[in-house]
Amino acid sequence: MSNNLYEQDYYLWIEDVLKKIQEKRWDEMDWENLWEEIDDMGKSQKQRLTSNLRILLMHLLKWEFQLEKRINSWKYTIIEHRRRILEQLESSPSLKNYLTLNLEAPYQKARKDTSLETNLSLNTFPNQCPYTIDVVLDENWFLE
C-alpha cells in the first residue's frame, strides 16, 4: 500500500509517513522510500550550496577580470549568493566542511562558464581557485 501511495500521491504519502512516525507504528513504515527521500534531501542541500557557490564564483571572476565592464547587478549577485550560502550554513553548519573540501569543482565550472559568457579566454582565469572559502563567504571582503 505505502509503495503504491508513494508513487501515486507523494503528498499523501508524506502525511501517511508522518502519522505513522507520530503514532510509532514502525512496522508499517515505508522504510525504503523514506530512506531514499532523506538521502535525496541531503543531496539537494549540497546541490543548492554548490549551485550558489558556482554563481558566486562566476561573478567574482567577472568582477575581478572585467574591471571596465563592472555593473551593479554583479555586485548584487555576489552579495545575494553569499547571503544564500551563509543562511544555509547557519541552519546546517556541518556543510561548511563540504564547501571547503569541494571548492575546486564549482570553481572549474564557474571558470568555464565565465569564459563562455564573457568571451574571454579560459586562460584569463587562474587554473586553480584563487580564493579560499572563508574569503569567498566574507561579507566584508570585496574585490576592488
N, C-alpha and C. Protein backbone atom coordinates (compact mmCIF):
# COMPACT_ATOMS: atom_id res chain seq x y z
N MET A 1 0.82 -1.20 0.00
CA MET A 1 0.00 0.00 0.00
C MET A 1 0.87 1.26 0.00
N SER A 2 1.84 1.36 0.93
CA SER A 2 2.66 2.56 1.04
C SER A 2 3.46 2.83 -0.22
N ASN A 3 4.02 1.77 -0.81
CA ASN A 3 4.81 1.95 -2.03
C ASN A 3 3.93 2.50 -3.14
N ASN A 4 2.70 1.97 -3.26
CA ASN A 4 1.76 2.50 -4.24
C ASN A 4 1.42 3.95 -3.93
N LEU A 5 1.20 4.25 -2.68
CA LEU A 5 0.87 5.61 -2.28
C LEU A 5 2.01 6.56 -2.64
N TYR A 6 3.23 6.13 -2.40
CA TYR A 6 4.41 6.93 -2.73
C TYR A 6 4.42 7.27 -4.22
N GLU A 7 4.09 6.32 -5.04
CA GLU A 7 4.11 6.52 -6.50
C GLU A 7 2.87 7.26 -7.00
N GLN A 8 1.76 7.15 -6.29
CA GLN A 8 0.51 7.73 -6.79
C GLN A 8 0.22 9.12 -6.25
N ASP A 9 0.57 9.37 -4.99
CA ASP A 9 0.25 10.66 -4.38
C ASP A 9 1.32 10.98 -3.34
N TYR A 10 2.35 11.64 -3.78
CA TYR A 10 3.51 11.90 -2.95
C TYR A 10 3.15 12.65 -1.66
N TYR A 11 2.33 13.68 -1.78
CA TYR A 11 1.96 14.46 -0.60
C TYR A 11 1.20 13.61 0.41
N LEU A 12 0.28 12.80 -0.07
CA LEU A 12 -0.47 11.92 0.82
C LEU A 12 0.47 10.91 1.48
N TRP A 13 1.46 10.44 0.74
CA TRP A 13 2.46 9.52 1.28
C TRP A 13 3.20 10.19 2.44
N ILE A 14 3.58 11.46 2.27
CA ILE A 14 4.26 12.19 3.34
C ILE A 14 3.38 12.27 4.58
N GLU A 15 2.13 12.61 4.41
CA GLU A 15 1.20 12.68 5.54
C GLU A 15 1.08 11.32 6.23
N ASP A 16 1.02 10.27 5.43
CA ASP A 16 0.92 8.91 5.97
C ASP A 16 2.16 8.55 6.79
N VAL A 17 3.33 8.87 6.26
CA VAL A 17 4.58 8.58 6.97
C VAL A 17 4.64 9.37 8.27
N LEU A 18 4.31 10.65 8.22
CA LEU A 18 4.33 11.47 9.43
C LEU A 18 3.38 10.93 10.51
N LYS A 19 2.22 10.52 10.10
CA LYS A 19 1.24 9.96 11.04
C LYS A 19 1.79 8.68 11.67
N LYS A 20 2.39 7.81 10.86
CA LYS A 20 2.95 6.56 11.39
C LYS A 20 4.10 6.82 12.34
N ILE A 21 4.92 7.82 12.05
CA ILE A 21 6.01 8.17 12.95
C ILE A 21 5.44 8.70 14.27
N GLN A 22 4.48 9.60 14.16
CA GLN A 22 3.86 10.18 15.35
C GLN A 22 3.24 9.10 16.24
N GLU A 23 2.63 8.10 15.61
CA GLU A 23 1.97 7.02 16.35
C GLU A 23 2.91 5.85 16.64
N LYS A 24 4.17 5.99 16.24
CA LYS A 24 5.20 4.96 16.47
C LYS A 24 4.80 3.60 15.88
N ARG A 25 4.23 3.64 14.70
CA ARG A 25 3.83 2.41 14.01
C ARG A 25 4.97 1.99 13.06
N TRP A 26 6.10 1.62 13.68
CA TRP A 26 7.33 1.35 12.93
C TRP A 26 7.20 0.19 11.96
N ASP A 27 6.43 -0.80 12.33
CA ASP A 27 6.30 -1.99 11.47
C ASP A 27 5.51 -1.70 10.18
N GLU A 28 4.82 -0.57 10.12
CA GLU A 28 4.05 -0.21 8.93
C GLU A 28 4.75 0.83 8.05
N MET A 29 5.95 1.21 8.44
CA MET A 29 6.67 2.27 7.74
C MET A 29 7.16 1.81 6.36
N ASP A 30 7.16 2.74 5.45
CA ASP A 30 7.72 2.53 4.11
C ASP A 30 9.19 2.96 4.17
N TRP A 31 10.00 2.10 4.80
CA TRP A 31 11.39 2.44 5.08
C TRP A 31 12.22 2.71 3.83
N GLU A 32 12.01 1.92 2.81
CA GLU A 32 12.82 2.07 1.59
C GLU A 32 12.65 3.46 0.98
N ASN A 33 11.41 3.87 0.80
CA ASN A 33 11.17 5.19 0.20
C ASN A 33 11.54 6.32 1.16
N LEU A 34 11.34 6.10 2.45
CA LEU A 34 11.71 7.11 3.43
C LEU A 34 13.22 7.33 3.43
N TRP A 35 13.98 6.24 3.41
CA TRP A 35 15.43 6.34 3.35
C TRP A 35 15.85 7.10 2.09
N GLU A 36 15.25 6.77 0.97
CA GLU A 36 15.57 7.42 -0.30
C GLU A 36 15.28 8.92 -0.23
N GLU A 37 14.16 9.28 0.36
CA GLU A 37 13.80 10.70 0.47
C GLU A 37 14.78 11.46 1.37
N ILE A 38 15.17 10.86 2.47
CA ILE A 38 16.13 11.51 3.37
C ILE A 38 17.48 11.66 2.68
N ASP A 39 17.91 10.64 1.97
CA ASP A 39 19.16 10.70 1.22
C ASP A 39 19.09 11.81 0.17
N ASP A 40 17.97 11.91 -0.53
CA ASP A 40 17.79 12.96 -1.54
C ASP A 40 17.79 14.35 -0.92
N MET A 41 17.27 14.47 0.30
CA MET A 41 17.28 15.77 0.98
C MET A 41 18.71 16.24 1.21
N GLY A 42 19.57 15.32 1.63
CA GLY A 42 20.98 15.66 1.84
C GLY A 42 21.66 16.06 0.55
N LYS A 43 21.40 15.30 -0.51
CA LYS A 43 21.98 15.62 -1.81
C LYS A 43 21.49 16.96 -2.31
N SER A 44 20.22 17.24 -2.09
CA SER A 44 19.63 18.51 -2.52
C SER A 44 20.30 19.69 -1.81
N GLN A 45 20.57 19.54 -0.52
CA GLN A 45 21.26 20.59 0.23
C GLN A 45 22.62 20.89 -0.38
N LYS A 46 23.36 19.83 -0.70
CA LYS A 46 24.69 20.01 -1.29
C LYS A 46 24.60 20.62 -2.68
N GLN A 47 23.63 20.19 -3.47
CA GLN A 47 23.47 20.74 -4.82
C GLN A 47 23.13 22.23 -4.77
N ARG A 48 22.27 22.61 -3.84
CA ARG A 48 21.90 24.02 -3.72
C ARG A 48 23.10 24.86 -3.33
N LEU A 49 23.89 24.36 -2.38
CA LEU A 49 25.10 25.07 -1.97
C LEU A 49 26.07 25.21 -3.13
N THR A 50 26.30 24.12 -3.84
CA THR A 50 27.24 24.11 -4.96
C THR A 50 26.78 25.06 -6.06
N SER A 51 25.50 25.08 -6.34
CA SER A 51 24.96 25.97 -7.37
C SER A 51 25.17 27.44 -6.98
N ASN A 52 24.85 27.78 -5.75
CA ASN A 52 25.06 29.15 -5.29
C ASN A 52 26.53 29.52 -5.29
N LEU A 53 27.38 28.58 -4.92
CA LEU A 53 28.83 28.83 -4.91
C LEU A 53 29.34 29.06 -6.33
N ARG A 54 28.88 28.27 -7.28
CA ARG A 54 29.32 28.42 -8.68
C ARG A 54 28.93 29.81 -9.20
N ILE A 55 27.70 30.22 -8.94
CA ILE A 55 27.25 31.54 -9.39
C ILE A 55 28.05 32.65 -8.71
N LEU A 56 28.30 32.50 -7.43
CA LEU A 56 29.11 33.47 -6.69
C LEU A 56 30.51 33.56 -7.28
N LEU A 57 31.13 32.42 -7.54
CA LEU A 57 32.48 32.41 -8.11
C LEU A 57 32.51 33.04 -9.51
N MET A 58 31.49 32.75 -10.31
CA MET A 58 31.41 33.36 -11.64
C MET A 58 31.43 34.88 -11.55
N HIS A 59 30.64 35.41 -10.64
CA HIS A 59 30.55 36.86 -10.53
C HIS A 59 31.80 37.47 -9.90
N LEU A 60 32.45 36.74 -9.02
CA LEU A 60 33.74 37.23 -8.51
C LEU A 60 34.77 37.29 -9.63
N LEU A 61 34.78 36.28 -10.49
CA LEU A 61 35.71 36.29 -11.63
C LEU A 61 35.39 37.43 -12.59
N LYS A 62 34.11 37.60 -12.89
CA LYS A 62 33.74 38.71 -13.79
C LYS A 62 34.13 40.04 -13.17
N TRP A 63 33.88 40.20 -11.87
CA TRP A 63 34.19 41.44 -11.18
C TRP A 63 35.70 41.72 -11.21
N GLU A 64 36.49 40.67 -11.01
CA GLU A 64 37.94 40.84 -10.95
C GLU A 64 38.57 41.02 -12.33
N PHE A 65 38.07 40.32 -13.34
CA PHE A 65 38.74 40.30 -14.64
C PHE A 65 38.06 41.15 -15.71
N GLN A 66 36.98 41.80 -15.37
CA GLN A 66 36.33 42.71 -16.33
C GLN A 66 36.07 44.05 -15.66
N LEU A 67 37.13 44.66 -15.20
CA LEU A 67 37.02 45.93 -14.48
C LEU A 67 36.23 46.97 -15.26
N GLU A 68 36.48 47.03 -16.55
CA GLU A 68 35.85 48.06 -17.39
C GLU A 68 34.37 47.81 -17.64
N LYS A 69 33.90 46.60 -17.34
CA LYS A 69 32.50 46.27 -17.60
C LYS A 69 31.68 46.05 -16.33
N ARG A 70 32.25 46.35 -15.20
CA ARG A 70 31.55 46.13 -13.93
C ARG A 70 30.20 46.84 -13.92
N ILE A 71 29.21 46.11 -13.44
CA ILE A 71 27.89 46.70 -13.27
C ILE A 71 27.37 46.34 -11.88
N ASN A 72 26.47 47.15 -11.39
CA ASN A 72 25.96 46.95 -10.03
C ASN A 72 25.27 45.61 -9.84
N SER A 73 24.67 45.08 -10.89
CA SER A 73 23.97 43.80 -10.74
C SER A 73 24.95 42.68 -10.39
N TRP A 74 26.19 42.78 -10.83
CA TRP A 74 27.18 41.76 -10.46
C TRP A 74 27.44 41.83 -8.95
N LYS A 75 27.59 43.05 -8.46
CA LYS A 75 27.82 43.23 -7.02
C LYS A 75 26.64 42.69 -6.23
N TYR A 76 25.44 43.00 -6.69
CA TYR A 76 24.25 42.49 -6.02
C TYR A 76 24.23 40.96 -6.04
N THR A 77 24.58 40.36 -7.17
CA THR A 77 24.59 38.89 -7.28
C THR A 77 25.60 38.29 -6.31
N ILE A 78 26.76 38.92 -6.19
CA ILE A 78 27.77 38.45 -5.24
C ILE A 78 27.21 38.49 -3.82
N ILE A 79 26.62 39.61 -3.46
CA ILE A 79 26.05 39.77 -2.12
C ILE A 79 24.92 38.77 -1.89
N GLU A 80 24.03 38.63 -2.85
CA GLU A 80 22.88 37.73 -2.72
C GLU A 80 23.29 36.27 -2.57
N HIS A 81 24.23 35.81 -3.39
CA HIS A 81 24.61 34.39 -3.32
C HIS A 81 25.47 34.10 -2.09
N ARG A 82 26.23 35.07 -1.63
CA ARG A 82 26.91 34.91 -0.34
C ARG A 82 25.86 34.73 0.75
N ARG A 83 24.86 35.59 0.71
CA ARG A 83 23.80 35.54 1.73
C ARG A 83 23.10 34.18 1.71
N ARG A 84 22.77 33.69 0.52
CA ARG A 84 22.10 32.40 0.42
C ARG A 84 22.94 31.28 1.02
N ILE A 85 24.23 31.29 0.69
CA ILE A 85 25.13 30.26 1.22
C ILE A 85 25.24 30.38 2.73
N LEU A 86 25.44 31.59 3.23
CA LEU A 86 25.59 31.79 4.67
C LEU A 86 24.32 31.41 5.43
N GLU A 87 23.17 31.70 4.87
CA GLU A 87 21.91 31.29 5.52
C GLU A 87 21.79 29.78 5.58
N GLN A 88 22.20 29.12 4.51
CA GLN A 88 22.13 27.66 4.50
C GLN A 88 23.13 27.07 5.50
N LEU A 89 24.31 27.67 5.59
CA LEU A 89 25.31 27.19 6.55
C LEU A 89 24.87 27.47 7.99
N GLU A 90 24.10 28.51 8.18
CA GLU A 90 23.58 28.81 9.51
C GLU A 90 22.67 27.69 10.01
N SER A 91 21.85 27.16 9.11
CA SER A 91 20.94 26.08 9.51
C SER A 91 21.60 24.70 9.43
N SER A 92 22.70 24.59 8.68
CA SER A 92 23.42 23.32 8.55
C SER A 92 24.93 23.59 8.57
N PRO A 93 25.49 23.95 9.74
CA PRO A 93 26.90 24.34 9.81
C PRO A 93 27.87 23.26 9.35
N SER A 94 27.48 22.00 9.45
CA SER A 94 28.39 20.92 9.05
C SER A 94 28.69 20.96 7.55
N LEU A 95 27.88 21.66 6.78
CA LEU A 95 28.11 21.73 5.33
C LEU A 95 29.28 22.65 4.97
N LYS A 96 29.77 23.45 5.92
CA LYS A 96 30.92 24.32 5.60
C LYS A 96 32.12 23.47 5.23
N ASN A 97 32.32 22.38 5.93
CA ASN A 97 33.42 21.49 5.62
C ASN A 97 33.27 20.93 4.20
N TYR A 98 32.05 20.62 3.82
CA TYR A 98 31.78 20.14 2.45
C TYR A 98 32.23 21.19 1.44
N LEU A 99 31.89 22.46 1.68
CA LEU A 99 32.29 23.53 0.76
C LEU A 99 33.80 23.68 0.71
N THR A 100 34.44 23.62 1.88
CA THR A 100 35.89 23.75 1.94
C THR A 100 36.57 22.66 1.12
N LEU A 101 36.09 21.44 1.26
CA LEU A 101 36.70 20.31 0.56
C LEU A 101 36.32 20.24 -0.91
N ASN A 102 35.25 20.92 -1.29
CA ASN A 102 34.74 20.81 -2.66
C ASN A 102 34.68 22.16 -3.37
N LEU A 103 35.59 23.03 -3.10
CA LEU A 103 35.62 24.35 -3.72
C LEU A 103 36.08 24.28 -5.18
N GLU A 104 36.97 23.38 -5.47
CA GLU A 104 37.62 23.37 -6.79
C GLU A 104 36.66 23.01 -7.92
N ALA A 105 35.79 22.02 -7.73
CA ALA A 105 34.88 21.61 -8.82
C ALA A 105 33.93 22.74 -9.23
N PRO A 106 33.26 23.41 -8.29
CA PRO A 106 32.42 24.54 -8.70
C PRO A 106 33.24 25.67 -9.32
N TYR A 107 34.47 25.84 -8.84
CA TYR A 107 35.33 26.88 -9.43
C TYR A 107 35.61 26.56 -10.89
N GLN A 108 35.93 25.31 -11.19
CA GLN A 108 36.24 24.95 -12.58
C GLN A 108 35.03 25.18 -13.49
N LYS A 109 33.84 24.86 -12.99
CA LYS A 109 32.63 25.12 -13.78
C LYS A 109 32.41 26.63 -13.94
N ALA A 110 32.62 27.37 -12.86
CA ALA A 110 32.46 28.83 -12.91
C ALA A 110 33.47 29.44 -13.87
N ARG A 111 34.67 28.94 -13.86
CA ARG A 111 35.73 29.43 -14.76
C ARG A 111 35.33 29.23 -16.22
N LYS A 112 34.84 28.03 -16.54
CA LYS A 112 34.41 27.74 -17.92
C LYS A 112 33.20 28.58 -18.31
N ASP A 113 32.22 28.65 -17.41
CA ASP A 113 31.01 29.43 -17.70
C ASP A 113 31.33 30.91 -17.88
N THR A 114 32.23 31.42 -17.05
CA THR A 114 32.61 32.83 -17.15
C THR A 114 33.33 33.10 -18.46
N SER A 115 34.18 32.17 -18.86
CA SER A 115 34.86 32.30 -20.15
C SER A 115 33.86 32.35 -21.30
N LEU A 116 32.88 31.46 -21.27
CA LEU A 116 31.85 31.44 -22.31
C LEU A 116 31.02 32.72 -22.31
N GLU A 117 30.63 33.15 -21.12
CA GLU A 117 29.76 34.33 -21.02
C GLU A 117 30.46 35.62 -21.42
N THR A 118 31.74 35.72 -21.11
CA THR A 118 32.47 36.98 -21.33
C THR A 118 33.26 36.99 -22.64
N ASN A 119 33.38 35.84 -23.27
CA ASN A 119 34.23 35.69 -24.46
C ASN A 119 35.71 35.92 -24.16
N LEU A 120 36.07 35.82 -22.89
CA LEU A 120 37.48 35.88 -22.52
C LEU A 120 38.05 34.47 -22.58
N SER A 121 39.32 34.38 -22.92
CA SER A 121 39.98 33.08 -22.98
C SER A 121 39.94 32.42 -21.60
N LEU A 122 39.80 31.11 -21.61
CA LEU A 122 39.82 30.35 -20.35
C LEU A 122 41.11 30.62 -19.59
N ASN A 123 42.19 30.85 -20.32
CA ASN A 123 43.49 31.12 -19.70
C ASN A 123 43.55 32.47 -18.98
N THR A 124 42.55 33.30 -19.19
CA THR A 124 42.47 34.58 -18.48
C THR A 124 42.33 34.34 -16.98
N PHE A 125 41.66 33.26 -16.64
CA PHE A 125 41.33 32.98 -15.24
C PHE A 125 42.30 31.95 -14.66
N PRO A 126 42.64 32.10 -13.38
CA PRO A 126 43.57 31.15 -12.75
C PRO A 126 43.11 29.70 -12.90
N ASN A 127 44.07 28.80 -13.09
CA ASN A 127 43.77 27.38 -13.24
C ASN A 127 43.14 26.79 -11.98
N GLN A 128 43.57 27.28 -10.83
CA GLN A 128 43.00 26.82 -9.56
C GLN A 128 42.32 28.00 -8.88
N CYS A 129 41.37 27.69 -8.06
CA CYS A 129 40.59 28.74 -7.39
C CYS A 129 41.53 29.66 -6.60
N PRO A 130 41.50 30.95 -6.91
CA PRO A 130 42.39 31.89 -6.22
C PRO A 130 41.88 32.34 -4.85
N TYR A 131 40.71 31.87 -4.48
CA TYR A 131 40.08 32.31 -3.23
C TYR A 131 39.91 31.13 -2.28
N THR A 132 40.01 31.40 -1.00
CA THR A 132 39.65 30.38 -0.01
C THR A 132 38.14 30.50 0.24
N ILE A 133 37.56 29.48 0.81
CA ILE A 133 36.13 29.52 1.08
C ILE A 133 35.81 30.62 2.09
N ASP A 134 36.72 30.87 3.04
CA ASP A 134 36.48 31.93 4.02
C ASP A 134 36.44 33.31 3.36
N VAL A 135 37.31 33.53 2.39
CA VAL A 135 37.31 34.80 1.66
C VAL A 135 36.06 34.92 0.80
N VAL A 136 35.71 33.86 0.11
CA VAL A 136 34.52 33.86 -0.76
C VAL A 136 33.27 34.22 0.03
N LEU A 137 33.18 33.73 1.25
CA LEU A 137 31.97 33.94 2.06
C LEU A 137 32.03 35.16 2.97
N ASP A 138 33.17 35.84 3.01
CA ASP A 138 33.33 37.00 3.87
C ASP A 138 32.53 38.19 3.32
N GLU A 139 31.48 38.55 4.04
CA GLU A 139 30.61 39.64 3.58
C GLU A 139 31.32 40.99 3.55
N ASN A 140 32.41 41.10 4.28
CA ASN A 140 33.16 42.36 4.31
C ASN A 140 34.28 42.41 3.28
N TRP A 141 34.50 41.30 2.58
CA TRP A 141 35.56 41.26 1.57
C TRP A 141 34.96 41.47 0.20
N PHE A 142 35.54 42.40 -0.51
CA PHE A 142 35.07 42.64 -1.86
C PHE A 142 36.25 43.03 -2.72
N LEU A 143 36.32 42.46 -3.89
CA LEU A 143 37.38 42.83 -4.83
C LEU A 143 37.17 44.27 -5.26
N GLU A 144 38.15 45.10 -5.09
CA GLU A 144 38.03 46.50 -5.53
C GLU A 144 39.06 46.80 -6.58
